[in-house]
C-alpha atoms as a PDB file:
ATOM      1  CA  UNK A   1     127.665  74.943 -14.166  1.00  0.00           C
ATOM      2  CA  UNK A   2     125.190  75.515 -11.352  1.00  0.00           C
ATOM      3  CA  UNK A   3     122.435  73.762 -13.326  1.00  0.00           C
ATOM      4  CA  UNK A   4     124.731  70.823 -14.084  1.00  0.00           C
ATOM      5  CA  UNK A   5     125.637  70.387 -10.400  1.00  0.00           C
ATOM      6  CA  UNK A   6     121.978  70.587  -9.362  1.00  0.00           C
ATOM      7  CA  UNK A   7     120.969  68.006 -11.970  1.00  0.00           C
ATOM      8  CA  UNK A   8     123.812  65.674 -10.964  1.00  0.00           C
ATOM      9  CA  UNK A   9     122.840  65.927  -7.289  1.00  0.00           C
ATOM     10  CA  UNK A  10     119.207  65.108  -8.028  1.00  0.00           C
ATOM     11  CA  UNK A  11     120.213  62.068 -10.091  1.00  0.00           C
ATOM     12  CA  UNK A  12     122.530  60.774  -7.357  1.00  0.00           C
ATOM     13  CA  UNK A  13     119.990  61.284  -4.583  1.00  0.00           C
ATOM     14  CA  UNK A  14     117.232  59.630  -6.615  1.00  0.00           C
ATOM     15  CA  UNK A  15     119.431  56.625  -7.369  1.00  0.00           C
ATOM     16  CA  UNK A  16     120.268  56.160  -3.693  1.00  0.00           C
ATOM     17  CA  UNK A  17     116.654  56.543  -2.584  1.00  0.00           C
ATOM     18  CA  UNK A  18     115.223  54.188  -5.212  1.00  0.00           C
ATOM     19  CA  UNK A  19     116.629  50.995  -3.668  1.00  0.00           C
ATOM     20  CA  UNK A  20     114.139  49.426  -1.297  1.00  0.00           C
ATOM     21  CA  UNK A  21     115.317  48.818   2.250  1.00  0.00           C
ATOM     22  CA  UNK A  22     113.938  45.271   2.344  1.00  0.00           C
ATOM     23  CA  UNK A  23     116.270  43.172   0.212  1.00  0.00           C
ATOM     24  CA  UNK A  24     119.024  40.586   0.619  1.00  0.00           C
ATOM     25  CA  UNK A  25     122.273  42.101   1.873  1.00  0.00           C
ATOM     26  CA  UNK A  26     125.309  41.924  -0.384  1.00  0.00           C
ATOM     27  CA  UNK A  27     128.374  41.182   1.755  1.00  0.00           C
ATOM     28  CA  UNK A  28     128.183  43.409   4.823  1.00  0.00           C
ATOM     29  CA  UNK A  29     125.842  45.844   3.069  1.00  0.00           C
ATOM     30  CA  UNK A  30     122.303  46.934   3.780  1.00  0.00           C
ATOM     31  CA  UNK A  31     119.402  44.487   3.862  1.00  0.00           C
ATOM     32  CA  UNK A  32     118.797  41.099   5.467  1.00  0.00           C
ATOM     33  CA  UNK A  33     120.721  37.884   5.855  1.00  0.00           C
ATOM     34  CA  UNK A  34     120.240  34.797   7.955  1.00  0.00           C
ATOM     35  CA  UNK A  35     122.374  32.007   9.320  1.00  0.00           C
ATOM     36  CA  UNK A  36     121.098  28.540  10.223  1.00  0.00           C
ATOM     37  CA  UNK A  37     122.357  27.533  13.677  1.00  0.00           C
ATOM     38  CA  UNK A  38     120.403  24.252  13.663  1.00  0.00           C
ATOM     39  CA  UNK A  39     117.301  22.881  11.911  1.00  0.00           C
ATOM     40  CA  UNK A  40     114.927  25.173  13.825  1.00  0.00           C
ATOM     41  CA  UNK A  41     117.337  27.800  15.223  1.00  0.00           C
ATOM     42  CA  UNK A  42     118.354  30.795  13.058  1.00  0.00           C
ATOM     43  CA  UNK A  43     120.125  34.107  13.422  1.00  0.00           C
ATOM     44  CA  UNK A  44     118.525  36.948  11.438  1.00  0.00           C
ATOM     45  CA  UNK A  45     120.457  40.143  10.747  1.00  0.00           C
ATOM     46  CA  UNK A  46     119.025  43.312   9.218  1.00  0.00           C
ATOM     47  CA  UNK A  47     120.969  46.501   8.399  1.00  0.00           C
ATOM     48  CA  UNK A  48     119.094  49.668   7.454  1.00  0.00           C
ATOM     49  CA  UNK A  49     120.127  53.157   6.344  1.00  0.00           C
ATOM     50  CA  UNK A  50     118.756  55.904   8.547  1.00  0.00           C
ATOM     51  CA  UNK A  51     118.033  56.117  12.229  1.00  0.00           C
ATOM     52  CA  UNK A  52     114.552  54.551  12.473  1.00  0.00           C
ATOM     53  CA  UNK A  53     115.237  51.783  14.994  1.00  0.00           C
ATOM     54  CA  UNK A  54     111.586  50.663  14.990  1.00  0.00           C
ATOM     55  CA  UNK A  55     111.658  50.117  11.230  1.00  0.00           C
ATOM     56  CA  UNK A  56     114.860  48.096  11.622  1.00  0.00           C
ATOM     57  CA  UNK A  57     113.200  45.963  14.301  1.00  0.00           C
ATOM     58  CA  UNK A  58     110.093  45.426  12.163  1.00  0.00           C
ATOM     59  CA  UNK A  59     112.028  44.450   9.050  1.00  0.00           C
ATOM     60  CA  UNK A  60     114.144  41.979  11.042  1.00  0.00           C
ATOM     61  CA  UNK A  61     110.899  40.485  12.401  1.00  0.00           C
ATOM     62  CA  UNK A  62     109.528  40.296   8.859  1.00  0.00           C
ATOM     63  CA  UNK A  63     112.568  38.330   7.716  1.00  0.00           C
ATOM     64  CA  UNK A  64     112.274  36.047  10.765  1.00  0.00           C
ATOM     65  CA  UNK A  65     108.644  35.332   9.828  1.00  0.00           C
ATOM     66  CA  UNK A  66     109.585  34.620   6.202  1.00  0.00           C
ATOM     67  CA  UNK A  67     112.442  32.281   7.175  1.00  0.00           C
ATOM     68  CA  UNK A  68     110.092  30.468   9.556  1.00  0.00           C
ATOM     69  CA  UNK A  69     107.562  29.881   6.770  1.00  0.00           C
ATOM     70  CA  UNK A  70     110.245  28.956   4.217  1.00  0.00           C
ATOM     71  CA  UNK A  71     111.541  26.268   6.591  1.00  0.00           C
ATOM     72  CA  UNK A  72     108.037  24.819   7.017  1.00  0.00           C
ATOM     73  CA  UNK A  73     107.344  26.129  10.526  1.00  0.00           C
ATOM     74  CA  UNK A  74     104.316  28.052  11.844  1.00  0.00           C
ATOM     75  CA  UNK A  75     105.628  30.243  14.647  1.00  0.00           C
ATOM     76  CA  UNK A  76     108.859  31.464  16.202  1.00  0.00           C
ATOM     77  CA  UNK A  77     110.202  32.664  19.516  1.00  0.00           C
ATOM     78  CA  UNK A  78     112.964  35.243  19.891  1.00  0.00           C
ATOM     79  CA  UNK A  79     115.651  33.904  22.220  1.00  0.00           C
ATOM     80  CA  UNK A  80     118.168  36.725  21.771  1.00  0.00           C
ATOM     81  CA  UNK A  81     118.003  40.226  20.292  1.00  0.00           C
ATOM     82  CA  UNK A  82     120.314  43.180  19.792  1.00  0.00           C
ATOM     83  CA  UNK A  83     119.855  46.602  18.198  1.00  0.00           C
ATOM     84  CA  UNK A  84     122.693  48.940  17.276  1.00  0.00           C
ATOM     85  CA  UNK A  85     122.213  52.500  16.007  1.00  0.00           C
ATOM     86  CA  UNK A  86     125.232  54.318  14.604  1.00  0.00           C
ATOM     87  CA  UNK A  87     125.040  58.055  13.997  1.00  0.00           C
ATOM     88  CA  UNK A  88     127.122  59.641  11.261  1.00  0.00           C
ATOM     89  CA  UNK A  89     128.047  63.208  12.203  1.00  0.00           C
ATOM     90  CA  UNK A  90     129.470  64.116   8.781  1.00  0.00           C
ATOM     91  CA  UNK A  91     127.439  66.412   6.538  1.00  0.00           C
ATOM     92  CA  UNK A  92     125.720  64.491   3.730  1.00  0.00           C
ATOM     93  CA  UNK A  93     125.401  67.295   1.207  1.00  0.00           C
ATOM     94  CA  UNK A  94     125.970  71.005   1.108  1.00  0.00           C
ATOM     95  CA  UNK A  95     125.133  73.831  -1.210  1.00  0.00           C
ATOM     96  CA  UNK A  96     125.647  77.506  -0.676  1.00  0.00           C
ATOM     97  CA  UNK A  97     127.132  80.794  -1.604  1.00  0.00           C
ATOM     98  CA  UNK A  98     129.669  82.797   0.276  1.00  0.00           C
ATOM     99  CA  UNK A  99     131.655  85.930  -0.203  1.00  0.00           C
ATOM    100  CA  UNK A 100     135.276  86.519   0.580  1.00  0.00           C
ATOM    101  CA  UNK A 101     137.809  89.117  -0.436  1.00  0.00           C
ATOM    102  CA  UNK A 102     140.841  88.819  -2.644  1.00  0.00           C
ATOM    103  CA  UNK A 103     143.810  91.062  -1.988  1.00  0.00           C
ATOM    104  CA  UNK A 104     146.092  91.718  -4.946  1.00  0.00           C
ATOM    105  CA  UNK A 105     149.383  93.561  -4.650  1.00  0.00           C
ATOM    106  CA  UNK A 106     151.151  94.836  -7.776  1.00  0.00           C
ATOM    107  CA  UNK A 107     154.652  96.218  -7.454  1.00  0.00           C
ATOM    108  CA  UNK A 108     156.517  98.138 -10.098  1.00  0.00           C
ATOM    109  CA  UNK A 109     159.299 100.738 -10.419  1.00  0.00           C
ATOM    110  CA  UNK A 110     157.237 103.466  -8.770  1.00  0.00           C
ATOM    111  CA  UNK A 111     156.040 101.428  -5.787  1.00  0.00           C
ATOM    112  CA  UNK A 112     153.275  98.992  -4.919  1.00  0.00           C
ATOM    113  CA  UNK A 113     149.505  99.212  -5.147  1.00  0.00           C
ATOM    114  CA  UNK A 114     147.131  97.027  -3.192  1.00  0.00           C
ATOM    115  CA  UNK A 115     143.614  96.239  -4.389  1.00  0.00           C
ATOM    116  CA  UNK A 116     140.876  94.518  -2.418  1.00  0.00           C
ATOM    117  CA  UNK A 117     137.932  93.070  -4.321  1.00  0.00           C
ATOM    118  CA  UNK A 118     134.988  90.897  -3.288  1.00  0.00           C
ATOM    119  CA  UNK A 119     134.883  87.342  -4.605  1.00  0.00           C
ATOM    120  CA  UNK A 120     131.683  85.309  -4.740  1.00  0.00           C
ATOM    121  CA  UNK A 121     132.080  81.651  -4.038  1.00  0.00           C
ATOM    122  CA  UNK A 122     129.404  79.172  -5.135  1.00  0.00           C
ATOM    123  CA  UNK A 123     129.811  75.651  -3.862  1.00  0.00           C
ATOM    124  CA  UNK A 124     127.887  72.420  -3.900  1.00  0.00           C
ATOM    125  CA  UNK A 125     128.973  69.061  -2.656  1.00  0.00           C
ATOM    126  CA  UNK A 126     127.587  65.579  -2.286  1.00  0.00           C
ATOM    127  CA  UNK A 127     129.449  63.143  -0.096  1.00  0.00           C
ATOM    128  CA  UNK A 128     129.669  59.857  -1.972  1.00  0.00           C
ATOM    129  CA  UNK A 129     130.416  56.578  -0.271  1.00  0.00           C
ATOM    130  CA  UNK A 130     129.219  57.639   3.166  1.00  0.00           C
ATOM    131  CA  UNK A 131     126.585  55.323   4.569  1.00  0.00           C
ATOM    132  CA  UNK A 132     125.221  57.881   7.028  1.00  0.00           C
ATOM    133  CA  UNK A 133     123.232  56.719  10.033  1.00  0.00           C
ATOM    134  CA  UNK A 134     122.626  52.980  10.281  1.00  0.00           C
ATOM    135  CA  UNK A 135     120.428  50.670  12.320  1.00  0.00           C
ATOM    136  CA  UNK A 136     121.406  47.031  12.744  1.00  0.00           C
ATOM    137  CA  UNK A 137     119.066  44.481  14.296  1.00  0.00           C
ATOM    138  CA  UNK A 138     120.077  40.942  15.134  1.00  0.00           C
ATOM    139  CA  UNK A 139     117.610  38.251  16.249  1.00  0.00           C
ATOM    140  CA  UNK A 140     118.092  34.624  17.213  1.00  0.00           C
ATOM    141  CA  UNK A 141     114.905  32.664  16.768  1.00  0.00           C
ATOM    142  CA  UNK A 142     113.683  29.165  17.509  1.00  0.00           C
ATOM    143  CA  UNK A 143     110.876  27.961  15.235  1.00  0.00           C
ATOM    144  CA  UNK A 144     108.035  25.569  15.953  1.00  0.00           C
ATOM    145  CA  UNK A 145     105.029  23.886  14.353  1.00  0.00           C
ATOM    146  CA  UNK A 146     101.420  23.554  15.400  1.00  0.00           C
ATOM    147  CA  UNK A 147      99.984  25.099  18.554  1.00  0.00           C
ATOM    148  CA  UNK A 148     102.033  27.981  19.982  1.00  0.00           C
ATOM    149  CA  UNK A 149     103.162  27.546  23.615  1.00  0.00           C
ATOM    150  CA  UNK A 150     101.101  29.681  25.996  1.00  0.00           C
ATOM    151  CA  UNK A 151     103.818  30.258  28.589  1.00  0.00           C
ATOM    152  CA  UNK A 152     106.269  31.962  26.163  1.00  0.00           C
ATOM    153  CA  UNK A 153     106.167  34.986  23.855  1.00  0.00           C
ATOM    154  CA  UNK A 154     105.854  33.623  20.331  1.00  0.00           C
ATOM    155  CA  UNK A 155     104.847  35.085  16.973  1.00  0.00           C
ATOM    156  CA  UNK A 156     102.589  33.639  14.295  1.00  0.00           C
ATOM    157  CA  UNK A 157     104.856  33.766  11.239  1.00  0.00           C
ATOM    158  CA  UNK A 158     102.056  34.082   8.670  1.00  0.00           C
ATOM    159  CA  UNK A 159     100.141  36.786  10.555  1.00  0.00           C
ATOM    160  CA  UNK A 160     103.282  38.805  11.302  1.00  0.00           C
ATOM    161  CA  UNK A 161     104.539  38.527   7.710  1.00  0.00           C
ATOM    162  CA  UNK A 162     101.199  39.654   6.243  1.00  0.00           C
ATOM    163  CA  UNK A 163     100.845  42.600   8.650  1.00  0.00           C
ATOM    164  CA  UNK A 164     104.406  43.892   8.189  1.00  0.00           C
ATOM    165  CA  UNK A 165     104.321  43.535   4.392  1.00  0.00           C
ATOM    166  CA  UNK A 166     101.138  45.601   4.374  1.00  0.00           C
ATOM    167  CA  UNK A 167     102.591  48.197   6.785  1.00  0.00           C
ATOM    168  CA  UNK A 168     105.765  48.715   4.734  1.00  0.00           C
ATOM    169  CA  UNK A 169     104.107  48.120   1.313  1.00  0.00           C
ATOM    170  CA  UNK A 170     106.378  45.201   0.431  1.00  0.00           C
ATOM    171  CA  UNK A 171     105.266  42.951  -2.419  1.00  0.00           C
ATOM    172  CA  UNK A 172     106.439  39.337  -2.879  1.00  0.00           C
END
């Protein structure tokens, strides 16, 4: 039984860990999505498991760079940004052994006897369906072509995309 529970836990944890963080979001799930606000104005949203806010920021920037290039633009400027980190205080998994006592009382015609005996308790649990800690990053960007304005903070979409893909080992 103990071996079966251990094997099941490893399979579940491997399955959860095998999905890459950088992917399109399904519904309100993890990954990226974007909304066109106008021809050159987009809102980018990225939701990530874990508590690494910097990774969430970087992956939102990566998606902003990709959207910029997909729309035929060269650079973008961030006009609004928001980061939310939500901590989950619930335990994710537990495994352990404990010992308690069991008291048994038997009564018959001649009286009662009480027995106390130790009981070993093995337990293992995996909390399914809990998202755990999450980081959400939202960016509003305005995209442009040609020479980047010098008086504003702008990002070269191609350079940023190439650097962040290399940093996070993302192929595509």
